[in-house]
mmCIF file of all heavy atoms, coordinates in Angstrom:
data_MODEL
# 
_entry.id   MODEL 
# 
loop_
_atom_site.group_PDB 
_atom_site.id 
_atom_site.type_symbol 
_atom_site.label_atom_id 
_atom_site.label_alt_id 
_atom_site.label_comp_id 
_atom_site.label_asym_id 
_atom_site.label_entity_id 
_atom_site.label_seq_id 
_atom_site.pdbx_PDB_ins_code 
_atom_site.Cartn_x 
_atom_site.Cartn_y 
_atom_site.Cartn_z 
_atom_site.occupancy 
_atom_site.B_iso_or_equiv 
_atom_site.pdbx_formal_charge 
_atom_site.auth_seq_id 
_atom_site.auth_comp_id 
_atom_site.auth_asym_id 
_atom_site.auth_atom_id 
_atom_site.pdbx_PDB_model_num 
ATOM 1   N N   . CYS A 1 1  ? 87.189  107.073 107.881 1.00 0.00 ? 1  CYS A N   1 
ATOM 2   C CA  . CYS A 1 1  ? 87.325  108.392 107.269 1.00 0.00 ? 1  CYS A CA  1 
ATOM 3   C C   . CYS A 1 1  ? 87.090  108.274 105.764 1.00 0.00 ? 1  CYS A C   1 
ATOM 4   O O   . CYS A 1 1  ? 87.280  107.214 105.164 1.00 0.00 ? 1  CYS A O   1 
ATOM 5   C CB  . CYS A 1 1  ? 88.728  108.952 107.505 1.00 0.00 ? 1  CYS A CB  1 
ATOM 6   S SG  . CYS A 1 1  ? 89.162  109.207 109.223 1.00 0.00 ? 1  CYS A SG  1 
ATOM 7   N N   . THR A 1 2  ? 86.708  109.376 105.158 1.00 0.00 ? 2  THR A N   1 
ATOM 8   C CA  . THR A 1 2  ? 86.690  109.454 103.703 1.00 0.00 ? 2  THR A CA  1 
ATOM 9   C C   . THR A 1 2  ? 88.116  109.722 103.252 1.00 0.00 ? 2  THR A C   1 
ATOM 10  O O   . THR A 1 2  ? 88.710  110.742 103.621 1.00 0.00 ? 2  THR A O   1 
ATOM 11  C CB  . THR A 1 2  ? 85.768  110.579 103.221 1.00 0.00 ? 2  THR A CB  1 
ATOM 12  O OG1 . THR A 1 2  ? 84.433  110.305 103.651 1.00 0.00 ? 2  THR A OG1 1 
ATOM 13  C CG2 . THR A 1 2  ? 85.806  110.692 101.701 1.00 0.00 ? 2  THR A CG2 1 
ATOM 14  N N   . VAL A 1 3  ? 88.672  108.797 102.481 1.00 0.00 ? 3  VAL A N   1 
ATOM 15  C CA  . VAL A 1 3  ? 90.073  108.886 102.083 1.00 0.00 ? 3  VAL A CA  1 
ATOM 16  C C   . VAL A 1 3  ? 90.165  109.114 100.585 1.00 0.00 ? 3  VAL A C   1 
ATOM 17  O O   . VAL A 1 3  ? 89.672  108.312 99.788  1.00 0.00 ? 3  VAL A O   1 
ATOM 18  C CB  . VAL A 1 3  ? 90.843  107.613 102.473 1.00 0.00 ? 3  VAL A CB  1 
ATOM 19  C CG1 . VAL A 1 3  ? 92.295  107.711 101.997 1.00 0.00 ? 3  VAL A CG1 1 
ATOM 20  C CG2 . VAL A 1 3  ? 90.785  107.401 103.979 1.00 0.00 ? 3  VAL A CG2 1 
ATOM 21  N N   . ILE A 1 4  ? 90.808  110.207 100.205 1.00 0.00 ? 4  ILE A N   1 
ATOM 22  C CA  . ILE A 1 4  ? 91.079  110.512 98.803  1.00 0.00 ? 4  ILE A CA  1 
ATOM 23  C C   . ILE A 1 4  ? 92.505  110.057 98.511  1.00 0.00 ? 4  ILE A C   1 
ATOM 24  O O   . ILE A 1 4  ? 93.461  110.618 99.047  1.00 0.00 ? 4  ILE A O   1 
ATOM 25  C CB  . ILE A 1 4  ? 90.926  112.017 98.517  1.00 0.00 ? 4  ILE A CB  1 
ATOM 26  C CG1 . ILE A 1 4  ? 89.527  112.501 98.879  1.00 0.00 ? 4  ILE A CG1 1 
ATOM 27  C CG2 . ILE A 1 4  ? 91.246  112.319 97.053  1.00 0.00 ? 4  ILE A CG2 1 
ATOM 28  C CD1 . ILE A 1 4  ? 89.378  114.014 98.831  1.00 0.00 ? 4  ILE A CD1 1 
ATOM 29  N N   . LYS A 1 5  ? 92.646  109.042 97.669  1.00 0.00 ? 5  LYS A N   1 
ATOM 30  C CA  . LYS A 1 5  ? 93.964  108.551 97.281  1.00 0.00 ? 5  LYS A CA  1 
ATOM 31  C C   . LYS A 1 5  ? 94.347  109.232 95.974  1.00 0.00 ? 5  LYS A C   1 
ATOM 32  O O   . LYS A 1 5  ? 93.669  109.048 94.958  1.00 0.00 ? 5  LYS A O   1 
ATOM 33  C CB  . LYS A 1 5  ? 93.940  107.038 97.114  1.00 0.00 ? 5  LYS A CB  1 
ATOM 34  C CG  . LYS A 1 5  ? 93.420  106.291 98.326  1.00 0.00 ? 5  LYS A CG  1 
ATOM 35  C CD  . LYS A 1 5  ? 93.247  104.810 97.999  1.00 0.00 ? 5  LYS A CD  1 
ATOM 36  C CE  . LYS A 1 5  ? 92.515  104.075 99.091  1.00 0.00 ? 5  LYS A CE  1 
ATOM 37  N NZ  . LYS A 1 5  ? 92.284  102.647 98.755  1.00 0.00 ? 5  LYS A NZ  1 
ATOM 38  N N   . THR A 1 6  ? 95.417  109.981 95.993  1.00 0.00 ? 6  THR A N   1 
ATOM 39  C CA  . THR A 1 6  ? 95.733  110.804 94.834  1.00 0.00 ? 6  THR A CA  1 
ATOM 40  C C   . THR A 1 6  ? 97.228  111.034 94.704  1.00 0.00 ? 6  THR A C   1 
ATOM 41  O O   . THR A 1 6  ? 97.970  111.022 95.693  1.00 0.00 ? 6  THR A O   1 
ATOM 42  C CB  . THR A 1 6  ? 95.016  112.162 94.950  1.00 0.00 ? 6  THR A CB  1 
ATOM 43  O OG1 . THR A 1 6  ? 95.459  113.040 93.906  1.00 0.00 ? 6  THR A OG1 1 
ATOM 44  C CG2 . THR A 1 6  ? 95.285  112.831 96.289  1.00 0.00 ? 6  THR A CG2 1 
ATOM 45  N N   . ALA A 1 7  ? 97.659  111.263 93.469  1.00 0.00 ? 7  ALA A N   1 
ATOM 46  C CA  . ALA A 1 7  ? 99.054  111.610 93.217  1.00 0.00 ? 7  ALA A CA  1 
ATOM 47  C C   . ALA A 1 7  ? 99.342  113.066 93.559  1.00 0.00 ? 7  ALA A C   1 
ATOM 48  O O   . ALA A 1 7  ? 100.507 113.465 93.640  1.00 0.00 ? 7  ALA A O   1 
ATOM 49  C CB  . ALA A 1 7  ? 99.404  111.345 91.754  1.00 0.00 ? 7  ALA A CB  1 
ATOM 50  N N   . ASN A 1 8  ? 98.294  113.857 93.786  1.00 0.00 ? 8  ASN A N   1 
ATOM 51  C CA  . ASN A 1 8  ? 98.472  115.285 94.069  1.00 0.00 ? 8  ASN A CA  1 
ATOM 52  C C   . ASN A 1 8  ? 97.659  115.696 95.296  1.00 0.00 ? 8  ASN A C   1 
ATOM 53  O O   . ASN A 1 8  ? 96.720  116.496 95.204  1.00 0.00 ? 8  ASN A O   1 
ATOM 54  C CB  . ASN A 1 8  ? 98.049  116.120 92.857  1.00 0.00 ? 8  ASN A CB  1 
ATOM 55  C CG  . ASN A 1 8  ? 98.872  115.803 91.625  1.00 0.00 ? 8  ASN A CG  1 
ATOM 56  O OD1 . ASN A 1 8  ? 100.075 116.036 91.595  1.00 0.00 ? 8  ASN A OD1 1 
ATOM 57  N ND2 . ASN A 1 8  ? 98.227  115.239 90.611  1.00 0.00 ? 8  ASN A ND2 1 
ATOM 58  N N   . PRO A 1 9  ? 97.998  115.179 96.467  1.00 0.00 ? 9  PRO A N   1 
ATOM 59  C CA  . PRO A 1 9  ? 97.191  115.454 97.662  1.00 0.00 ? 9  PRO A CA  1 
ATOM 60  C C   . PRO A 1 9  ? 97.204  116.922 98.085  1.00 0.00 ? 9  PRO A C   1 
ATOM 61  O O   . PRO A 1 9  ? 96.231  117.398 98.676  1.00 0.00 ? 9  PRO A O   1 
ATOM 62  C CB  . PRO A 1 9  ? 97.825  114.564 98.731  1.00 0.00 ? 9  PRO A CB  1 
ATOM 63  C CG  . PRO A 1 9  ? 99.224  114.343 98.260  1.00 0.00 ? 9  PRO A CG  1 
ATOM 64  C CD  . PRO A 1 9  ? 99.145  114.295 96.771  1.00 0.00 ? 9  PRO A CD  1 
ATOM 65  N N   . LEU A 1 10 ? 98.270  117.634 97.786  1.00 0.00 ? 10 LEU A N   1 
ATOM 66  C CA  . LEU A 1 10 ? 98.347  119.031 98.212  1.00 0.00 ? 10 LEU A CA  1 
ATOM 67  C C   . LEU A 1 10 ? 97.281  119.893 97.542  1.00 0.00 ? 10 LEU A C   1 
ATOM 68  O O   . LEU A 1 10 ? 96.901  120.950 98.072  1.00 0.00 ? 10 LEU A O   1 
ATOM 69  C CB  . LEU A 1 10 ? 99.737  119.601 97.922  1.00 0.00 ? 10 LEU A CB  1 
ATOM 70  C CG  . LEU A 1 10 ? 100.924 118.872 98.568  1.00 0.00 ? 10 LEU A CG  1 
ATOM 71  C CD1 . LEU A 1 10 ? 102.213 119.631 98.313  1.00 0.00 ? 10 LEU A CD1 1 
ATOM 72  C CD2 . LEU A 1 10 ? 100.704 118.669 100.057 1.00 0.00 ? 10 LEU A CD2 1 
ATOM 73  N N   . ASP A 1 11 ? 96.777  119.440 96.403  1.00 0.00 ? 11 ASP A N   1 
ATOM 74  C CA  . ASP A 1 11 ? 95.741  120.195 95.703  1.00 0.00 ? 11 ASP A CA  1 
ATOM 75  C C   . ASP A 1 11 ? 94.425  120.230 96.477  1.00 0.00 ? 11 ASP A C   1 
ATOM 76  O O   . ASP A 1 11 ? 93.539  121.026 96.162  1.00 0.00 ? 11 ASP A O   1 
ATOM 77  C CB  . ASP A 1 11 ? 95.485  119.593 94.313  1.00 0.00 ? 11 ASP A CB  1 
ATOM 78  C CG  . ASP A 1 11 ? 96.674  119.740 93.380  1.00 0.00 ? 11 ASP A CG  1 
ATOM 79  O OD1 . ASP A 1 11 ? 97.582  120.534 93.698  1.00 0.00 ? 11 ASP A OD1 1 
ATOM 80  O OD2 . ASP A 1 11 ? 96.704  119.053 92.343  1.00 0.00 ? 11 ASP A OD2 1 
ATOM 81  N N   . HIS A 1 12 ? 94.286  119.367 97.474  1.00 0.00 ? 12 HIS A N   1 
ATOM 82  C CA  . HIS A 1 12 ? 93.019  119.233 98.200  1.00 0.00 ? 12 HIS A CA  1 
ATOM 83  C C   . HIS A 1 12 ? 93.031  119.971 99.545  1.00 0.00 ? 12 HIS A C   1 
ATOM 84  O O   . HIS A 1 12 ? 92.165  119.732 100.379 1.00 0.00 ? 12 HIS A O   1 
ATOM 85  C CB  . HIS A 1 12 ? 92.705  117.756 98.425  1.00 0.00 ? 12 HIS A CB  1 
ATOM 86  C CG  . HIS A 1 12 ? 92.501  116.980 97.173  1.00 0.00 ? 12 HIS A CG  1 
ATOM 87  N ND1 . HIS A 1 12 ? 91.263  116.808 96.576  1.00 0.00 ? 12 HIS A ND1 1 
ATOM 88  C CD2 . HIS A 1 12 ? 93.384  116.333 96.372  1.00 0.00 ? 12 HIS A CD2 1 
ATOM 89  C CE1 . HIS A 1 12 ? 91.398  116.078 95.486  1.00 0.00 ? 12 HIS A CE1 1 
ATOM 90  N NE2 . HIS A 1 12 ? 92.674  115.777 95.337  1.00 0.00 ? 12 HIS A NE2 1 
ATOM 91  N N   . ALA A 1 13 ? 93.982  120.856 99.740  1.00 0.00 ? 13 ALA A N   1 
ATOM 92  C CA  . ALA A 1 13 ? 94.164  121.493 101.044 1.00 0.00 ? 13 ALA A CA  1 
ATOM 93  C C   . ALA A 1 13 ? 92.939  122.271 101.519 1.00 0.00 ? 13 ALA A C   1 
ATOM 94  O O   . ALA A 1 13 ? 92.712  122.404 102.717 1.00 0.00 ? 13 ALA A O   1 
ATOM 95  C CB  . ALA A 1 13 ? 95.384  122.417 101.009 1.00 0.00 ? 13 ALA A CB  1 
ATOM 96  N N   . ASP A 1 14 ? 92.132  122.776 100.602 1.00 0.00 ? 14 ASP A N   1 
ATOM 97  C CA  . ASP A 1 14 ? 90.975  123.581 100.996 1.00 0.00 ? 14 ASP A CA  1 
ATOM 98  C C   . ASP A 1 14 ? 89.728  122.758 101.288 1.00 0.00 ? 14 ASP A C   1 
ATOM 99  O O   . ASP A 1 14 ? 88.725  123.294 101.766 1.00 0.00 ? 14 ASP A O   1 
ATOM 100 C CB  . ASP A 1 14 ? 90.652  124.609 99.901  1.00 0.00 ? 14 ASP A CB  1 
ATOM 101 C CG  . ASP A 1 14 ? 91.791  125.594 99.687  1.00 0.00 ? 14 ASP A CG  1 
ATOM 102 O OD1 . ASP A 1 14 ? 92.405  126.002 100.685 1.00 0.00 ? 14 ASP A OD1 1 
ATOM 103 O OD2 . ASP A 1 14 ? 92.079  125.924 98.514  1.00 0.00 ? 14 ASP A OD2 1 
ATOM 104 N N   . GLU A 1 15 ? 89.792  121.449 101.028 1.00 0.00 ? 15 GLU A N   1 
ATOM 105 C CA  . GLU A 1 15 ? 88.571  120.645 101.131 1.00 0.00 ? 15 GLU A CA  1 
ATOM 106 C C   . GLU A 1 15 ? 88.677  119.447 102.056 1.00 0.00 ? 15 GLU A C   1 
ATOM 107 O O   . GLU A 1 15 ? 87.704  118.705 102.218 1.00 0.00 ? 15 GLU A O   1 
ATOM 108 C CB  . GLU A 1 15 ? 88.165  120.153 99.735  1.00 0.00 ? 15 GLU A CB  1 
ATOM 109 C CG  . GLU A 1 15 ? 89.240  119.307 99.068  1.00 0.00 ? 15 GLU A CG  1 
ATOM 110 C CD  . GLU A 1 15 ? 88.920  118.980 97.618  1.00 0.00 ? 15 GLU A CD  1 
ATOM 111 O OE1 . GLU A 1 15 ? 89.243  119.807 96.740  1.00 0.00 ? 15 GLU A OE1 1 
ATOM 112 O OE2 . GLU A 1 15 ? 88.346  117.906 97.389  1.00 0.00 ? 15 GLU A OE2 1 
ATOM 113 N N   . VAL A 1 16 ? 89.832  119.244 102.676 1.00 0.00 ? 16 VAL A N   1 
ATOM 114 C CA  . VAL A 1 16 ? 90.002  118.090 103.561 1.00 0.00 ? 16 VAL A CA  1 
ATOM 115 C C   . VAL A 1 16 ? 90.451  118.557 104.949 1.00 0.00 ? 16 VAL A C   1 
ATOM 116 O O   . VAL A 1 16 ? 90.897  119.688 105.134 1.00 0.00 ? 16 VAL A O   1 
ATOM 117 C CB  . VAL A 1 16 ? 91.033  117.091 102.993 1.00 0.00 ? 16 VAL A CB  1 
ATOM 118 C CG1 . VAL A 1 16 ? 90.540  116.501 101.671 1.00 0.00 ? 16 VAL A CG1 1 
ATOM 119 C CG2 . VAL A 1 16 ? 92.400  117.748 102.819 1.00 0.00 ? 16 VAL A CG2 1 
ATOM 120 N N   . ASP A 1 17 ? 90.348  117.634 105.902 1.00 0.00 ? 17 ASP A N   1 
ATOM 121 C CA  . ASP A 1 17 ? 90.777  117.928 107.273 1.00 0.00 ? 17 ASP A CA  1 
ATOM 122 C C   . ASP A 1 17 ? 92.262  117.648 107.483 1.00 0.00 ? 17 ASP A C   1 
ATOM 123 O O   . ASP A 1 17 ? 92.863  118.165 108.427 1.00 0.00 ? 17 ASP A O   1 
ATOM 124 C CB  . ASP A 1 17 ? 89.974  117.076 108.264 1.00 0.00 ? 17 ASP A CB  1 
ATOM 125 C CG  . ASP A 1 17 ? 88.484  117.331 108.159 1.00 0.00 ? 17 ASP A CG  1 
ATOM 126 O OD1 . ASP A 1 17 ? 88.083  118.510 108.171 1.00 0.00 ? 17 ASP A OD1 1 
ATOM 127 O OD2 . ASP A 1 17 ? 87.717  116.354 108.047 1.00 0.00 ? 17 ASP A OD2 1 
ATOM 128 N N   . ALA A 1 18 ? 92.826  116.811 106.620 1.00 0.00 ? 18 ALA A N   1 
ATOM 129 C CA  . ALA A 1 18 ? 94.249  116.493 106.742 1.00 0.00 ? 18 ALA A CA  1 
ATOM 130 C C   . ALA A 1 18 ? 94.781  115.992 105.414 1.00 0.00 ? 18 ALA A C   1 
ATOM 131 O O   . ALA A 1 18 ? 94.052  115.401 104.612 1.00 0.00 ? 18 ALA A O   1 
ATOM 132 C CB  . ALA A 1 18 ? 94.480  115.429 107.825 1.00 0.00 ? 18 ALA A CB  1 
ATOM 133 N N   . ILE A 1 19 ? 96.059  116.240 105.198 1.00 0.00 ? 19 ILE A N   1 
ATOM 134 C CA  . ILE A 1 19 ? 96.793  115.700 104.050 1.00 0.00 ? 19 ILE A CA  1 
ATOM 135 C C   . ILE A 1 19 ? 97.967  114.909 104.602 1.00 0.00 ? 19 ILE A C   1 
ATOM 136 O O   . ILE A 1 19 ? 98.668  115.367 105.506 1.00 0.00 ? 19 ILE A O   1 
ATOM 137 C CB  . ILE A 1 19 ? 97.295  116.819 103.120 1.00 0.00 ? 19 ILE A CB  1 
ATOM 138 C CG1 . ILE A 1 19 ? 96.122  117.490 102.401 1.00 0.00 ? 19 ILE A CG1 1 
ATOM 139 C CG2 . ILE A 1 19 ? 98.294  116.283 102.105 1.00 0.00 ? 19 ILE A CG2 1 
ATOM 140 C CD1 . ILE A 1 19 ? 96.523  118.697 101.581 1.00 0.00 ? 19 ILE A CD1 1 
ATOM 141 N N   . VAL A 1 20 ? 98.166  113.705 104.064 1.00 0.00 ? 20 VAL A N   1 
ATOM 142 C CA  . VAL A 1 20 ? 99.251  112.842 104.507 1.00 0.00 ? 20 VAL A CA  1 
ATOM 143 C C   . VAL A 1 20 ? 100.187 112.572 103.345 1.00 0.00 ? 20 VAL A C   1 
ATOM 144 O O   . VAL A 1 20 ? 99.771  112.051 102.307 1.00 0.00 ? 20 VAL A O   1 
ATOM 145 C CB  . VAL A 1 20 ? 98.708  111.503 105.057 1.00 0.00 ? 20 VAL A CB  1 
ATOM 146 C CG1 . VAL A 1 20 ? 99.860  110.646 105.579 1.00 0.00 ? 20 VAL A CG1 1 
ATOM 147 C CG2 . VAL A 1 20 ? 97.674  111.742 106.160 1.00 0.00 ? 20 VAL A CG2 1 
ATOM 148 N N   . VAL A 1 21 ? 101.463 112.937 103.518 1.00 0.00 ? 21 VAL A N   1 
ATOM 149 C CA  . VAL A 1 21 ? 102.479 112.652 102.516 1.00 0.00 ? 21 VAL A CA  1 
ATOM 150 C C   . VAL A 1 21 ? 103.723 112.112 103.210 1.00 0.00 ? 21 VAL A C   1 
ATOM 151 O O   . VAL A 1 21 ? 103.922 112.314 104.412 1.00 0.00 ? 21 VAL A O   1 
ATOM 152 C CB  . VAL A 1 21 ? 102.858 113.898 101.691 1.00 0.00 ? 21 VAL A CB  1 
ATOM 153 C CG1 . VAL A 1 21 ? 101.656 114.447 100.939 1.00 0.00 ? 21 VAL A CG1 1 
ATOM 154 C CG2 . VAL A 1 21 ? 103.478 114.972 102.573 1.00 0.00 ? 21 VAL A CG2 1 
ATOM 155 N N   . SER A 1 22 ? 104.554 111.423 102.455 1.00 0.00 ? 22 SER A N   1 
ATOM 156 C CA  . SER A 1 22 ? 105.874 111.013 102.923 1.00 0.00 ? 22 SER A CA  1 
ATOM 157 C C   . SER A 1 22 ? 106.906 111.767 102.097 1.00 0.00 ? 22 SER A C   1 
ATOM 158 O O   . SER A 1 22 ? 106.745 111.914 100.886 1.00 0.00 ? 22 SER A O   1 
ATOM 159 C CB  . SER A 1 22 ? 106.072 109.505 102.755 1.00 0.00 ? 22 SER A CB  1 
ATOM 160 O OG  . SER A 1 22 ? 105.152 108.783 103.544 1.00 0.00 ? 22 SER A OG  1 
ATOM 161 N N   . ASN A 1 23 ? 107.958 112.223 102.744 1.00 0.00 ? 23 ASN A N   1 
ATOM 162 C CA  . ASN A 1 23 ? 108.969 113.023 102.051 1.00 0.00 ? 23 ASN A CA  1 
ATOM 163 C C   . ASN A 1 23 ? 110.357 112.729 102.629 1.00 0.00 ? 23 ASN A C   1 
ATOM 164 O O   . ASN A 1 23 ? 110.644 113.128 103.759 1.00 0.00 ? 23 ASN A O   1 
ATOM 165 C CB  . ASN A 1 23 ? 108.649 114.513 102.208 1.00 0.00 ? 23 ASN A CB  1 
ATOM 166 C CG  . ASN A 1 23 ? 109.399 115.387 101.239 1.00 0.00 ? 23 ASN A CG  1 
ATOM 167 O OD1 . ASN A 1 23 ? 109.667 114.991 100.113 1.00 0.00 ? 23 ASN A OD1 1 
ATOM 168 N ND2 . ASN A 1 23 ? 109.754 116.590 101.655 1.00 0.00 ? 23 ASN A ND2 1 
ATOM 169 N N   . PRO A 1 24 ? 111.195 111.990 101.854 1.00 0.00 ? 24 PRO A N   1 
ATOM 170 C CA  . PRO A 1 24 ? 110.967 111.355 100.559 1.00 0.00 ? 24 PRO A CA  1 
ATOM 171 C C   . PRO A 1 24 ? 109.901 110.259 100.670 1.00 0.00 ? 24 PRO A C   1 
ATOM 172 O O   . PRO A 1 24 ? 109.732 109.658 101.718 1.00 0.00 ? 24 PRO A O   1 
ATOM 173 C CB  . PRO A 1 24 ? 112.329 110.760 100.199 1.00 0.00 ? 24 PRO A CB  1 
ATOM 174 C CG  . PRO A 1 24 ? 113.320 111.443 101.074 1.00 0.00 ? 24 PRO A CG  1 
ATOM 175 C CD  . PRO A 1 24 ? 112.584 111.772 102.330 1.00 0.00 ? 24 PRO A CD  1 
ATOM 176 N N   . ASN A 1 25 ? 109.255 109.998 99.533  1.00 0.00 ? 25 ASN A N   1 
ATOM 177 C CA  . ASN A 1 25 ? 108.172 109.033 99.546  1.00 0.00 ? 25 ASN A CA  1 
ATOM 178 C C   . ASN A 1 25 ? 108.707 107.607 99.419  1.00 0.00 ? 25 ASN A C   1 
ATOM 179 O O   . ASN A 1 25 ? 109.736 107.357 98.804  1.00 0.00 ? 25 ASN A O   1 
ATOM 180 C CB  . ASN A 1 25 ? 107.200 109.320 98.403  1.00 0.00 ? 25 ASN A CB  1 
ATOM 181 C CG  . ASN A 1 25 ? 105.952 108.471 98.479  1.00 0.00 ? 25 ASN A CG  1 
ATOM 182 O OD1 . ASN A 1 25 ? 105.373 108.299 99.547  1.00 0.00 ? 25 ASN A OD1 1 
ATOM 183 N ND2 . ASN A 1 25 ? 105.519 107.927 97.347  1.00 0.00 ? 25 ASN A ND2 1 
ATOM 184 N N   . ASN A 1 26 ? 107.973 106.700 100.008 1.00 0.00 ? 26 ASN A N   1 
ATOM 185 C CA  . ASN A 1 26 ? 108.229 105.269 99.901  1.00 0.00 ? 26 ASN A CA  1 
ATOM 186 C C   . ASN A 1 26 ? 107.012 104.648 99.201  1.00 0.00 ? 26 ASN A C   1 
ATOM 187 O O   . ASN A 1 26 ? 105.892 104.830 99.663  1.00 0.00 ? 26 ASN A O   1 
ATOM 188 C CB  . ASN A 1 26 ? 108.392 104.694 101.310 1.00 0.00 ? 26 ASN A CB  1 
ATOM 189 C CG  . ASN A 1 26 ? 108.474 103.180 101.343 1.00 0.00 ? 26 ASN A CG  1 
ATOM 190 O OD1 . ASN A 1 26 ? 108.795 102.544 100.352 1.00 0.00 ? 26 ASN A OD1 1 
ATOM 191 N ND2 . ASN A 1 26 ? 108.167 102.613 102.504 1.00 0.00 ? 26 ASN A ND2 1 
ATOM 192 N N   . PRO A 1 27 ? 107.168 103.988 98.037  1.00 0.00 ? 27 PRO A N   1 
ATOM 193 C CA  . PRO A 1 27 ? 108.413 103.397 97.535  1.00 0.00 ? 27 PRO A CA  1 
ATOM 194 C C   . PRO A 1 27 ? 109.086 104.111 96.361  1.00 0.00 ? 27 PRO A C   1 
ATOM 195 O O   . PRO A 1 27 ? 110.106 103.644 95.881  1.00 0.00 ? 27 PRO A O   1 
ATOM 196 C CB  . PRO A 1 27 ? 107.928 102.023 97.067  1.00 0.00 ? 27 PRO A CB  1 
ATOM 197 C CG  . PRO A 1 27 ? 106.570 102.311 96.492  1.00 0.00 ? 27 PRO A CG  1 
ATOM 198 C CD  . PRO A 1 27 ? 105.975 103.382 97.365  1.00 0.00 ? 27 PRO A CD  1 
ATOM 199 N N   . ASP A 1 28 ? 108.530 105.210 95.866  1.00 0.00 ? 28 ASP A N   1 
ATOM 200 C CA  . ASP A 1 28 ? 109.064 105.766 94.623  1.00 0.00 ? 28 ASP A CA  1 
ATOM 201 C C   . ASP A 1 28 ? 110.080 106.886 94.816  1.00 0.00 ? 28 ASP A C   1 
ATOM 202 O O   . ASP A 1 28 ? 110.650 107.389 93.842  1.00 0.00 ? 28 ASP A O   1 
ATOM 203 C CB  . ASP A 1 28 ? 107.935 106.236 93.702  1.00 0.00 ? 28 ASP A CB  1 
ATOM 204 C CG  . ASP A 1 28 ? 107.094 107.352 94.315  1.00 0.00 ? 28 ASP A CG  1 
ATOM 205 O OD1 . ASP A 1 28 ? 107.453 107.865 95.396  1.00 0.00 ? 28 ASP A OD1 1 
ATOM 206 O OD2 . ASP A 1 28 ? 106.049 107.704 93.721  1.00 0.00 ? 28 ASP A OD2 1 
# 
């Protein structure tokens, strides 16, 4: 897959097929 690694993945909701986040995030 084309993977965009970013601190703000939610900003890409209109241009990707999926967004993956952890909540709370590991490790920060």
